[in-house]
Amino acid sequence: ADENWQEASAINWVTPASAPVCFINSD
């Protein structure tokens, strides 16, 4: 299901229209 794995990966779809993102993470 490579198409879904690629399509669901946000890293592949960055554009100037993308929203600002705040990452809050554990260790």
mmCIF file of all heavy atoms, coordinates in Angstrom:
data_MODEL
# 
_entry.id   MODEL 
# 
loop_
_atom_site.group_PDB 
_atom_site.id 
_atom_site.type_symbol 
_atom_site.label_atom_id 
_atom_site.label_alt_id 
_atom_site.label_comp_id 
_atom_site.label_asym_id 
_atom_site.label_entity_id 
_atom_site.label_seq_id 
_atom_site.pdbx_PDB_ins_code 
_atom_site.Cartn_x 
_atom_site.Cartn_y 
_atom_site.Cartn_z 
_atom_site.occupancy 
_atom_site.B_iso_or_equiv 
_atom_site.pdbx_formal_charge 
_atom_site.auth_seq_id 
_atom_site.auth_comp_id 
_atom_site.auth_asym_id 
_atom_site.auth_atom_id 
_atom_site.pdbx_PDB_model_num 
ATOM 1   N N   . ALA A 1 1  ? 0.843  -1.204 0.000  1.00 0.00 ? 1  ALA A N   1 
ATOM 2   C CA  . ALA A 1 1  ? 0.000  0.000  0.000  1.00 0.00 ? 1  ALA A CA  1 
ATOM 3   C C   . ALA A 1 1  ? 0.874  1.249  0.000  1.00 0.00 ? 1  ALA A C   1 
ATOM 4   O O   . ALA A 1 1  ? 0.624  2.194  0.745  1.00 0.00 ? 1  ALA A O   1 
ATOM 5   C CB  . ALA A 1 1  ? -0.930 -0.011 1.211  1.00 0.00 ? 1  ALA A CB  1 
ATOM 6   N N   . ASP A 1 2  ? 1.882  1.255  -0.870 1.00 0.00 ? 2  ASP A N   1 
ATOM 7   C CA  . ASP A 1 2  ? 2.842  2.358  -0.882 1.00 0.00 ? 2  ASP A CA  1 
ATOM 8   C C   . ASP A 1 2  ? 2.169  3.707  -1.101 1.00 0.00 ? 2  ASP A C   1 
ATOM 9   O O   . ASP A 1 2  ? 2.562  4.706  -0.490 1.00 0.00 ? 2  ASP A O   1 
ATOM 10  C CB  . ASP A 1 2  ? 3.894  2.127  -1.975 1.00 0.00 ? 2  ASP A CB  1 
ATOM 11  C CG  . ASP A 1 2  ? 4.883  3.294  -2.067 1.00 0.00 ? 2  ASP A CG  1 
ATOM 12  O OD1 . ASP A 1 2  ? 5.655  3.488  -1.121 1.00 0.00 ? 2  ASP A OD1 1 
ATOM 13  O OD2 . ASP A 1 2  ? 4.844  4.013  -3.085 1.00 0.00 ? 2  ASP A OD2 1 
ATOM 14  N N   . GLU A 1 3  ? 1.147  3.768  -1.943 1.00 0.00 ? 3  GLU A N   1 
ATOM 15  C CA  . GLU A 1 3  ? 0.496  5.055  -2.215 1.00 0.00 ? 3  GLU A CA  1 
ATOM 16  C C   . GLU A 1 3  ? -0.082 5.652  -0.938 1.00 0.00 ? 3  GLU A C   1 
ATOM 17  O O   . GLU A 1 3  ? 0.040  6.850  -0.693 1.00 0.00 ? 3  GLU A O   1 
ATOM 18  C CB  . GLU A 1 3  ? -0.595 4.887  -3.268 1.00 0.00 ? 3  GLU A CB  1 
ATOM 19  C CG  . GLU A 1 3  ? -1.246 6.201  -3.669 1.00 0.00 ? 3  GLU A CG  1 
ATOM 20  C CD  . GLU A 1 3  ? -2.224 6.046  -4.816 1.00 0.00 ? 3  GLU A CD  1 
ATOM 21  O OE1 . GLU A 1 3  ? -2.360 4.935  -5.349 1.00 0.00 ? 3  GLU A OE1 1 
ATOM 22  O OE2 . GLU A 1 3  ? -2.853 7.060  -5.182 1.00 0.00 ? 3  GLU A OE2 1 
ATOM 23  N N   . ASN A 1 4  ? -0.727 4.821  -0.119 1.00 0.00 ? 4  ASN A N   1 
ATOM 24  C CA  . ASN A 1 4  ? -1.272 5.320  1.146  1.00 0.00 ? 4  ASN A CA  1 
ATOM 25  C C   . ASN A 1 4  ? -0.172 5.725  2.115  1.00 0.00 ? 4  ASN A C   1 
ATOM 26  O O   . ASN A 1 4  ? -0.287 6.745  2.816  1.00 0.00 ? 4  ASN A O   1 
ATOM 27  C CB  . ASN A 1 4  ? -2.162 4.260  1.791  1.00 0.00 ? 4  ASN A CB  1 
ATOM 28  C CG  . ASN A 1 4  ? -3.524 4.159  1.139  1.00 0.00 ? 4  ASN A CG  1 
ATOM 29  O OD1 . ASN A 1 4  ? -3.898 4.993  0.317  1.00 0.00 ? 4  ASN A OD1 1 
ATOM 30  N ND2 . ASN A 1 4  ? -4.276 3.128  1.494  1.00 0.00 ? 4  ASN A ND2 1 
ATOM 31  N N   . TRP A 1 5  ? 0.897  4.945  2.196  1.00 0.00 ? 5  TRP A N   1 
ATOM 32  C CA  . TRP A 1 5  ? 1.999  5.287  3.093  1.00 0.00 ? 5  TRP A CA  1 
ATOM 33  C C   . TRP A 1 5  ? 2.608  6.634  2.708  1.00 0.00 ? 5  TRP A C   1 
ATOM 34  O O   . TRP A 1 5  ? 2.961  7.432  3.575  1.00 0.00 ? 5  TRP A O   1 
ATOM 35  C CB  . TRP A 1 5  ? 3.062  4.183  3.067  1.00 0.00 ? 5  TRP A CB  1 
ATOM 36  C CG  . TRP A 1 5  ? 2.677  2.973  3.855  1.00 0.00 ? 5  TRP A CG  1 
ATOM 37  C CD1 . TRP A 1 5  ? 1.728  2.040  3.533  1.00 0.00 ? 5  TRP A CD1 1 
ATOM 38  C CD2 . TRP A 1 5  ? 3.211  2.560  5.113  1.00 0.00 ? 5  TRP A CD2 1 
ATOM 39  N NE1 . TRP A 1 5  ? 1.634  1.079  4.504  1.00 0.00 ? 5  TRP A NE1 1 
ATOM 40  C CE2 . TRP A 1 5  ? 2.541  1.366  5.485  1.00 0.00 ? 5  TRP A CE2 1 
ATOM 41  C CE3 . TRP A 1 5  ? 4.197  3.066  5.952  1.00 0.00 ? 5  TRP A CE3 1 
ATOM 42  C CZ2 . TRP A 1 5  ? 2.831  0.693  6.679  1.00 0.00 ? 5  TRP A CZ2 1 
ATOM 43  C CZ3 . TRP A 1 5  ? 4.487  2.393  7.137  1.00 0.00 ? 5  TRP A CZ3 1 
ATOM 44  C CH2 . TRP A 1 5  ? 3.801  1.219  7.487  1.00 0.00 ? 5  TRP A CH2 1 
ATOM 45  N N   . GLN A 1 6  ? 2.721  6.883  1.418  1.00 0.00 ? 6  GLN A N   1 
ATOM 46  C CA  . GLN A 1 6  ? 3.261  8.155  0.957  1.00 0.00 ? 6  GLN A CA  1 
ATOM 47  C C   . GLN A 1 6  ? 2.261  9.293  1.165  1.00 0.00 ? 6  GLN A C   1 
ATOM 48  O O   . GLN A 1 6  ? 2.615  10.379 1.644  1.00 0.00 ? 6  GLN A O   1 
ATOM 49  C CB  . GLN A 1 6  ? 3.631  8.063  -0.530 1.00 0.00 ? 6  GLN A CB  1 
ATOM 50  C CG  . GLN A 1 6  ? 4.715  7.056  -0.861 1.00 0.00 ? 6  GLN A CG  1 
ATOM 51  C CD  . GLN A 1 6  ? 6.107  7.493  -0.428 1.00 0.00 ? 6  GLN A CD  1 
ATOM 52  O OE1 . GLN A 1 6  ? 6.337  8.668  -0.100 1.00 0.00 ? 6  GLN A OE1 1 
ATOM 53  N NE2 . GLN A 1 6  ? 7.046  6.572  -0.429 1.00 0.00 ? 6  GLN A NE2 1 
ATOM 54  N N   . GLU A 1 7  ? 0.999  9.045  0.830  1.00 0.00 ? 7  GLU A N   1 
ATOM 55  C CA  . GLU A 1 7  ? -0.013 10.100 0.908  1.00 0.00 ? 7  GLU A CA  1 
ATOM 56  C C   . GLU A 1 7  ? -0.279 10.530 2.342  1.00 0.00 ? 7  GLU A C   1 
ATOM 57  O O   . GLU A 1 7  ? -0.583 11.697 2.611  1.00 0.00 ? 7  GLU A O   1 
ATOM 58  C CB  . GLU A 1 7  ? -1.308 9.619  0.256  1.00 0.00 ? 7  GLU A CB  1 
ATOM 59  C CG  . GLU A 1 7  ? -2.384 10.679 0.175  1.00 0.00 ? 7  GLU A CG  1 
ATOM 60  C CD  . GLU A 1 7  ? -3.639 10.167 -0.515 1.00 0.00 ? 7  GLU A CD  1 
ATOM 61  O OE1 . GLU A 1 7  ? -3.604 10.034 -1.743 1.00 0.00 ? 7  GLU A OE1 1 
ATOM 62  O OE2 . GLU A 1 7  ? -4.632 9.897  0.196  1.00 0.00 ? 7  GLU A OE2 1 
ATOM 63  N N   . ALA A 1 8  ? -0.163 9.610  3.290  1.00 0.00 ? 8  ALA A N   1 
ATOM 64  C CA  . ALA A 1 8  ? -0.440 9.926  4.696  1.00 0.00 ? 8  ALA A CA  1 
ATOM 65  C C   . ALA A 1 8  ? 0.757  10.518 5.414  1.00 0.00 ? 8  ALA A C   1 
ATOM 66  O O   . ALA A 1 8  ? 0.660  10.837 6.610  1.00 0.00 ? 8  ALA A O   1 
ATOM 67  C CB  . ALA A 1 8  ? -0.907 8.668  5.425  1.00 0.00 ? 8  ALA A CB  1 
ATOM 68  N N   . SER A 1 9  ? 1.872  10.689 4.728  1.00 0.00 ? 9  SER A N   1 
ATOM 69  C CA  . SER A 1 9  ? 3.080  11.255 5.323  1.00 0.00 ? 9  SER A CA  1 
ATOM 70  C C   . SER A 1 9  ? 3.116  12.753 5.070  1.00 0.00 ? 9  SER A C   1 
ATOM 71  O O   . SER A 1 9  ? 3.382  13.205 3.950  1.00 0.00 ? 9  SER A O   1 
ATOM 72  C CB  . SER A 1 9  ? 4.324  10.584 4.735  1.00 0.00 ? 9  SER A CB  1 
ATOM 73  O OG  . SER A 1 9  ? 4.361  9.204  5.063  1.00 0.00 ? 9  SER A OG  1 
ATOM 74  N N   . ALA A 1 10 ? 2.865  13.537 6.104  1.00 0.00 ? 10 ALA A N   1 
ATOM 75  C CA  . ALA A 1 10 ? 2.781  14.995 5.947  1.00 0.00 ? 10 ALA A CA  1 
ATOM 76  C C   . ALA A 1 10 ? 4.059  15.581 5.365  1.00 0.00 ? 10 ALA A C   1 
ATOM 77  O O   . ALA A 1 10 ? 4.017  16.601 4.661  1.00 0.00 ? 10 ALA A O   1 
ATOM 78  C CB  . ALA A 1 10 ? 2.475  15.645 7.299  1.00 0.00 ? 10 ALA A CB  1 
ATOM 79  N N   . ILE A 1 11 ? 5.181  14.953 5.627  1.00 0.00 ? 11 ILE A N   1 
ATOM 80  C CA  . ILE A 1 11 ? 6.460  15.477 5.160  1.00 0.00 ? 11 ILE A CA  1 
ATOM 81  C C   . ILE A 1 11 ? 6.509  15.606 3.643  1.00 0.00 ? 11 ILE A C   1 
ATOM 82  O O   . ILE A 1 11 ? 7.278  16.406 3.099  1.00 0.00 ? 11 ILE A O   1 
ATOM 83  C CB  . ILE A 1 11 ? 7.618  14.577 5.671  1.00 0.00 ? 11 ILE A CB  1 
ATOM 84  C CG1 . ILE A 1 11 ? 8.948  15.320 5.594  1.00 0.00 ? 11 ILE A CG1 1 
ATOM 85  C CG2 . ILE A 1 11 ? 7.650  13.244 4.928  1.00 0.00 ? 11 ILE A CG2 1 
ATOM 86  C CD1 . ILE A 1 11 ? 10.072 14.610 6.322  1.00 0.00 ? 11 ILE A CD1 1 
ATOM 87  N N   . ASN A 1 12 ? 5.671  14.851 2.935  1.00 0.00 ? 12 ASN A N   1 
ATOM 88  C CA  . ASN A 1 12 ? 5.657  14.887 1.469  1.00 0.00 ? 12 ASN A CA  1 
ATOM 89  C C   . ASN A 1 12 ? 4.838  16.025 0.895  1.00 0.00 ? 12 ASN A C   1 
ATOM 90  O O   . ASN A 1 12 ? 4.847  16.224 -0.325 1.00 0.00 ? 12 ASN A O   1 
ATOM 91  C CB  . ASN A 1 12 ? 5.091  13.563 0.916  1.00 0.00 ? 12 ASN A CB  1 
ATOM 92  C CG  . ASN A 1 12 ? 6.003  12.385 1.146  1.00 0.00 ? 12 ASN A CG  1 
ATOM 93  O OD1 . ASN A 1 12 ? 7.211  12.553 1.279  1.00 0.00 ? 12 ASN A OD1 1 
ATOM 94  N ND2 . ASN A 1 12 ? 5.437  11.192 1.206  1.00 0.00 ? 12 ASN A ND2 1 
ATOM 95  N N   . TRP A 1 13 ? 4.129  16.800 1.730  1.00 0.00 ? 13 TRP A N   1 
ATOM 96  C CA  . TRP A 1 13 ? 3.095  17.703 1.216  1.00 0.00 ? 13 TRP A CA  1 
ATOM 97  C C   . TRP A 1 13 ? 3.228  19.137 1.707  1.00 0.00 ? 13 TRP A C   1 
ATOM 98  O O   . TRP A 1 13 ? 2.262  19.893 1.707  1.00 0.00 ? 13 TRP A O   1 
ATOM 99  C CB  . TRP A 1 13 ? 1.720  17.137 1.561  1.00 0.00 ? 13 TRP A CB  1 
ATOM 100 C CG  . TRP A 1 13 ? 1.574  15.717 1.124  1.00 0.00 ? 13 TRP A CG  1 
ATOM 101 C CD1 . TRP A 1 13 ? 1.683  14.589 1.902  1.00 0.00 ? 13 TRP A CD1 1 
ATOM 102 C CD2 . TRP A 1 13 ? 1.380  15.241 -0.202 1.00 0.00 ? 13 TRP A CD2 1 
ATOM 103 N NE1 . TRP A 1 13 ? 1.542  13.464 1.142  1.00 0.00 ? 13 TRP A NE1 1 
ATOM 104 C CE2 . TRP A 1 13 ? 1.358  13.823 -0.165 1.00 0.00 ? 13 TRP A CE2 1 
ATOM 105 C CE3 . TRP A 1 13 ? 1.205  15.886 -1.437 1.00 0.00 ? 13 TRP A CE3 1 
ATOM 106 C CZ2 . TRP A 1 13 ? 1.172  13.053 -1.292 1.00 0.00 ? 13 TRP A CZ2 1 
ATOM 107 C CZ3 . TRP A 1 13 ? 1.023  15.109 -2.569 1.00 0.00 ? 13 TRP A CZ3 1 
ATOM 108 C CH2 . TRP A 1 13 ? 1.011  13.713 -2.493 1.00 0.00 ? 13 TRP A CH2 1 
ATOM 109 N N   . VAL A 1 14 ? 4.412  19.533 2.088  1.00 0.00 ? 14 VAL A N   1 
ATOM 110 C CA  . VAL A 1 14 ? 4.624  20.896 2.574  1.00 0.00 ? 14 VAL A CA  1 
ATOM 111 C C   . VAL A 1 14 ? 4.517  21.895 1.426  1.00 0.00 ? 14 VAL A C   1 
ATOM 112 O O   . VAL A 1 14 ? 5.103  21.705 0.354  1.00 0.00 ? 14 VAL A O   1 
ATOM 113 C CB  . VAL A 1 14 ? 6.007  21.019 3.232  1.00 0.00 ? 14 VAL A CB  1 
ATOM 114 C CG1 . VAL A 1 14 ? 6.318  22.473 3.576  1.00 0.00 ? 14 VAL A CG1 1 
ATOM 115 C CG2 . VAL A 1 14 ? 6.079  20.143 4.480  1.00 0.00 ? 14 VAL A CG2 1 
ATOM 116 N N   . THR A 1 15 ? 3.748  22.966 1.649  1.00 0.00 ? 15 THR A N   1 
ATOM 117 C CA  . THR A 1 15 ? 3.634  24.083 0.700  1.00 0.00 ? 15 THR A CA  1 
ATOM 118 C C   . THR A 1 15 ? 3.551  25.373 1.511  1.00 0.00 ? 15 THR A C   1 
ATOM 119 O O   . THR A 1 15 ? 3.360  25.339 2.738  1.00 0.00 ? 15 THR A O   1 
ATOM 120 C CB  . THR A 1 15 ? 2.378  23.981 -0.183 1.00 0.00 ? 15 THR A CB  1 
ATOM 121 O OG1 . THR A 1 15 ? 1.214  24.278 0.613  1.00 0.00 ? 15 THR A OG1 1 
ATOM 122 C CG2 . THR A 1 15 ? 2.240  22.602 -0.825 1.00 0.00 ? 15 THR A CG2 1 
ATOM 123 N N   . PRO A 1 16 ? 3.646  26.533 0.867  1.00 0.00 ? 16 PRO A N   1 
ATOM 124 C CA  . PRO A 1 16 ? 3.457  27.787 1.607  1.00 0.00 ? 16 PRO A CA  1 
ATOM 125 C C   . PRO A 1 16 ? 2.072  27.913 2.242  1.00 0.00 ? 16 PRO A C   1 
ATOM 126 O O   . PRO A 1 16 ? 1.877  28.739 3.152  1.00 0.00 ? 16 PRO A O   1 
ATOM 127 C CB  . PRO A 1 16 ? 3.677  28.861 0.536  1.00 0.00 ? 16 PRO A CB  1 
ATOM 128 C CG  . PRO A 1 16 ? 4.608  28.210 -0.448 1.00 0.00 ? 16 PRO A CG  1 
ATOM 129 C CD  . PRO A 1 16 ? 4.157  26.778 -0.507 1.00 0.00 ? 16 PRO A CD  1 
ATOM 130 N N   . ALA A 1 17 ? 1.107  27.111 1.796  1.00 0.00 ? 17 ALA A N   1 
ATOM 131 C CA  . ALA A 1 17 ? -0.238 27.141 2.384  1.00 0.00 ? 17 ALA A CA  1 
ATOM 132 C C   . ALA A 1 17 ? -0.346 26.307 3.649  1.00 0.00 ? 17 ALA A C   1 
ATOM 133 O O   . ALA A 1 17 ? -1.374 26.361 4.341  1.00 0.00 ? 17 ALA A O   1 
ATOM 134 C CB  . ALA A 1 17 ? -1.270 26.644 1.359  1.00 0.00 ? 17 ALA A CB  1 
ATOM 135 N N   . SER A 1 18 ? 0.684  25.525 3.976  1.00 0.00 ? 18 SER A N   1 
ATOM 136 C CA  . SER A 1 18 ? 0.645  24.694 5.172  1.00 0.00 ? 18 SER A CA  1 
ATOM 137 C C   . SER A 1 18 ? 0.504  25.548 6.427  1.00 0.00 ? 18 SER A C   1 
ATOM 138 O O   . SER A 1 18 ? 1.004  26.669 6.494  1.00 0.00 ? 18 SER A O   1 
ATOM 139 C CB  . SER A 1 18 ? 1.916  23.846 5.266  1.00 0.00 ? 18 SER A CB  1 
ATOM 140 O OG  . SER A 1 18 ? 2.032  22.960 4.167  1.00 0.00 ? 18 SER A OG  1 
ATOM 141 N N   . ALA A 1 19 ? -0.178 25.004 7.421  1.00 0.00 ? 19 ALA A N   1 
ATOM 142 C CA  . ALA A 1 19 ? -0.404 25.731 8.674  1.00 0.00 ? 19 ALA A CA  1 
ATOM 143 C C   . ALA A 1 19 ? 0.835  25.689 9.562  1.00 0.00 ? 19 ALA A C   1 
ATOM 144 O O   . ALA A 1 19 ? 1.584  24.704 9.550  1.00 0.00 ? 19 ALA A O   1 
ATOM 145 C CB  . ALA A 1 19 ? -1.581 25.107 9.418  1.00 0.00 ? 19 ALA A CB  1 
ATOM 146 N N   . PRO A 1 20 ? 1.063  26.728 10.357 1.00 0.00 ? 20 PRO A N   1 
ATOM 147 C CA  . PRO A 1 20 ? 2.121  26.687 11.373 1.00 0.00 ? 20 PRO A CA  1 
ATOM 148 C C   . PRO A 1 20 ? 1.910  25.512 12.328 1.00 0.00 ? 20 PRO A C   1 
ATOM 149 O O   . PRO A 1 20 ? 0.768  25.157 12.649 1.00 0.00 ? 20 PRO A O   1 
ATOM 150 C CB  . PRO A 1 20 ? 1.964  28.019 12.103 1.00 0.00 ? 20 PRO A CB  1 
ATOM 151 C CG  . PRO A 1 20 ? 1.269  28.908 11.126 1.00 0.00 ? 20 PRO A CG  1 
ATOM 152 C CD  . PRO A 1 20 ? 0.358  28.018 10.342 1.00 0.00 ? 20 PRO A CD  1 
ATOM 153 N N   . VAL A 1 21 ? 3.012  24.918 12.778 1.00 0.00 ? 21 VAL A N   1 
ATOM 154 C CA  . VAL A 1 21 ? 2.931  23.708 13.596 1.00 0.00 ? 21 VAL A CA  1 
ATOM 155 C C   . VAL A 1 21 ? 3.728  23.876 14.881 1.00 0.00 ? 21 VAL A C   1 
ATOM 156 O O   . VAL A 1 21 ? 4.876  24.315 14.858 1.00 0.00 ? 21 VAL A O   1 
ATOM 157 C CB  . VAL A 1 21 ? 3.462  22.473 12.840 1.00 0.00 ? 21 VAL A CB  1 
ATOM 158 C CG1 . VAL A 1 21 ? 3.265  21.206 13.691 1.00 0.00 ? 21 VAL A CG1 1 
ATOM 159 C CG2 . VAL A 1 21 ? 2.780  22.308 11.483 1.00 0.00 ? 21 VAL A CG2 1 
ATOM 160 N N   . CYS A 1 22 ? 3.108  23.492 15.996 1.00 0.00 ? 22 CYS A N   1 
ATOM 161 C CA  . CYS A 1 22 ? 3.772  23.391 17.288 1.00 0.00 ? 22 CYS A CA  1 
ATOM 162 C C   . CYS A 1 22 ? 3.898  21.910 17.632 1.00 0.00 ? 22 CYS A C   1 
ATOM 163 O O   . CYS A 1 22 ? 2.889  21.198 17.730 1.00 0.00 ? 22 CYS A O   1 
ATOM 164 C CB  . CYS A 1 22 ? 2.960  24.106 18.358 1.00 0.00 ? 22 CYS A CB  1 
ATOM 165 S SG  . CYS A 1 22 ? 3.572  23.889 20.036 1.00 0.00 ? 22 CYS A SG  1 
ATOM 166 N N   . PHE A 1 23 ? 5.129  21.443 17.789 1.00 0.00 ? 23 PHE A N   1 
ATOM 167 C CA  . PHE A 1 23 ? 5.393  20.069 18.198 1.00 0.00 ? 23 PHE A CA  1 
ATOM 168 C C   . PHE A 1 23 ? 5.627  20.042 19.700 1.00 0.00 ? 23 PHE A C   1 
ATOM 169 O O   . PHE A 1 23 ? 6.478  20.773 20.215 1.00 0.00 ? 23 PHE A O   1 
ATOM 170 C CB  . PHE A 1 23 ? 6.627  19.515 17.487 1.00 0.00 ? 23 PHE A CB  1 
ATOM 171 C CG  . PHE A 1 23 ? 6.501  19.418 15.989 1.00 0.00 ? 23 PHE A CG  1 
ATOM 172 C CD1 . PHE A 1 23 ? 6.996  20.428 15.179 1.00 0.00 ? 23 PHE A CD1 1 
ATOM 173 C CD2 . PHE A 1 23 ? 5.900  18.323 15.399 1.00 0.00 ? 23 PHE A CD2 1 
ATOM 174 C CE1 . PHE A 1 23 ? 6.892  20.341 13.799 1.00 0.00 ? 23 PHE A CE1 1 
ATOM 175 C CE2 . PHE A 1 23 ? 5.794  18.222 14.026 1.00 0.00 ? 23 PHE A CE2 1 
ATOM 176 C CZ  . PHE A 1 23 ? 6.286  19.236 13.215 1.00 0.00 ? 23 PHE A CZ  1 
ATOM 177 N N   . ILE A 1 24 ? 4.875  19.196 20.406 1.00 0.00 ? 24 ILE A N   1 
ATOM 178 C CA  . ILE A 1 24 ? 5.058  18.994 21.843 1.00 0.00 ? 24 ILE A CA  1 
ATOM 179 C C   . ILE A 1 24 ? 5.369  17.516 22.031 1.00 0.00 ? 24 ILE A C   1 
ATOM 180 O O   . ILE A 1 24 ? 4.548  16.658 21.681 1.00 0.00 ? 24 ILE A O   1 
ATOM 181 C CB  . ILE A 1 24 ? 3.818  19.402 22.642 1.00 0.00 ? 24 ILE A CB  1 
ATOM 182 C CG1 . ILE A 1 24 ? 3.426  20.857 22.336 1.00 0.00 ? 24 ILE A CG1 1 
ATOM 183 C CG2 . ILE A 1 24 ? 4.055  19.217 24.140 1.00 0.00 ? 24 ILE A CG2 1 
ATOM 184 C CD1 . ILE A 1 24 ? 2.126  21.292 22.996 1.00 0.00 ? 24 ILE A CD1 1 
ATOM 185 N N   . ASN A 1 25 ? 6.550  17.217 22.577 1.00 0.00 ? 25 ASN A N   1 
ATOM 186 C CA  . ASN A 1 25 ? 7.025  15.838 22.554 1.00 0.00 ? 25 ASN A CA  1 
ATOM 187 C C   . ASN A 1 25 ? 7.478  15.310 23.904 1.00 0.00 ? 25 ASN A C   1 
ATOM 188 O O   . ASN A 1 25 ? 7.912  16.050 24.779 1.00 0.00 ? 25 ASN A O   1 
ATOM 189 C CB  . ASN A 1 25 ? 8.195  15.699 21.579 1.00 0.00 ? 25 ASN A CB  1 
ATOM 190 C CG  . ASN A 1 25 ? 7.766  15.879 20.138 1.00 0.00 ? 25 ASN A CG  1 
ATOM 191 O OD1 . ASN A 1 25 ? 8.120  16.866 19.500 1.00 0.00 ? 25 ASN A OD1 1 
ATOM 192 N ND2 . ASN A 1 25 ? 6.996  14.939 19.630 1.00 0.00 ? 25 ASN A ND2 1 
ATOM 193 N N   . SER A 1 26 ? 7.377  13.987 24.011 1.00 0.00 ? 26 SER A N   1 
ATOM 194 C CA  . SER A 1 26 ? 7.975  13.239 25.111 1.00 0.00 ? 26 SER A CA  1 
ATOM 195 C C   . SER A 1 26 ? 9.456  13.030 24.816 1.00 0.00 ? 26 SER A C   1 
ATOM 196 O O   . SER A 1 26 ? 9.994  13.559 23.837 1.00 0.00 ? 26 SER A O   1 
ATOM 197 C CB  . SER A 1 26 ? 7.278  11.880 25.235 1.00 0.00 ? 26 SER A CB  1 
ATOM 198 O OG  . SER A 1 26 ? 7.574  11.072 24.097 1.00 0.00 ? 26 SER A OG  1 
ATOM 199 N N   . ASP A 1 27 ? 10.099 12.205 25.633 1.00 0.00 ? 27 ASP A N   1 
ATOM 200 C CA  . ASP A 1 27 ? 11.504 11.876 25.415 1.00 0.00 ? 27 ASP A CA  1 
ATOM 201 C C   . ASP A 1 27 ? 11.683 10.662 24.503 1.00 0.00 ? 27 ASP A C   1 
ATOM 202 O O   . ASP A 1 27 ? 12.811 10.194 24.319 1.00 0.00 ? 27 ASP A O   1 
ATOM 203 C CB  . ASP A 1 27 ? 12.182 11.586 26.758 1.00 0.00 ? 27 ASP A CB  1 
ATOM 204 C CG  . ASP A 1 27 ? 12.264 12.800 27.668 1.00 0.00 ? 27 ASP A CG  1 
ATOM 205 O OD1 . ASP A 1 27 ? 12.196 13.931 27.144 1.00 0.00 ? 27 ASP A OD1 1 
ATOM 206 O OD2 . ASP A 1 27 ? 12.381 12.615 28.900 1.00 0.00 ? 27 ASP A OD2 1 
# 
